[in-house]
């Protein structure tokens, strides 16, 4: 067998290998002793663009130092954001017009092999804010095809039936009408 090394390594080679081993172990030691960013960064020294999105809460924000928005975007350039003129009468939930809702039902029968639209209408002075329908068919041959508001004053449900006649019900949820657009 031949000798692997015929001569001893030179002094510069030994020193360079030793320096490489020490440098690598020094980096590993430094990485194992990293400190958290909280101890490196002085409190209250970061600007807003250095913060992660959605990390501030009401605890960190002093609302009294934010001030008011000078103007709100609207057709009337004199509008300010300090008050909402249309909401001044609704100071509590009890005084808001939506505090009273009415449920109006319309019953009907969907004959076999037919599509039946049925509408529940809101009483005068109220507007529809929601609704839905139900049917008595347990066989699965009848189903609700569509459910939608009928303007501002009612709720319509389209029933589809391919079997015997079934009982259907439409319910409209109505609230007192305020000055609404499109009513």
Foldseek 3Di string as FASTA:
>chain_A
DDDPDPDDDDPVVVVVVVVVVVVVVVVVVPVVPDDDVVVVDDPPPDDPVVDDPPPDDPVPDDVVVPDADQADDDPDRNHGPPDDVVCPQPPDVVRDQQVDKDKFKDKDKAAAQDKDKDKTWADPQKWFDDKDKDKDDPVPQKDWPDWDADFGTIIIIIIGGHDGMIMMMIMTMITGDDPDPRD
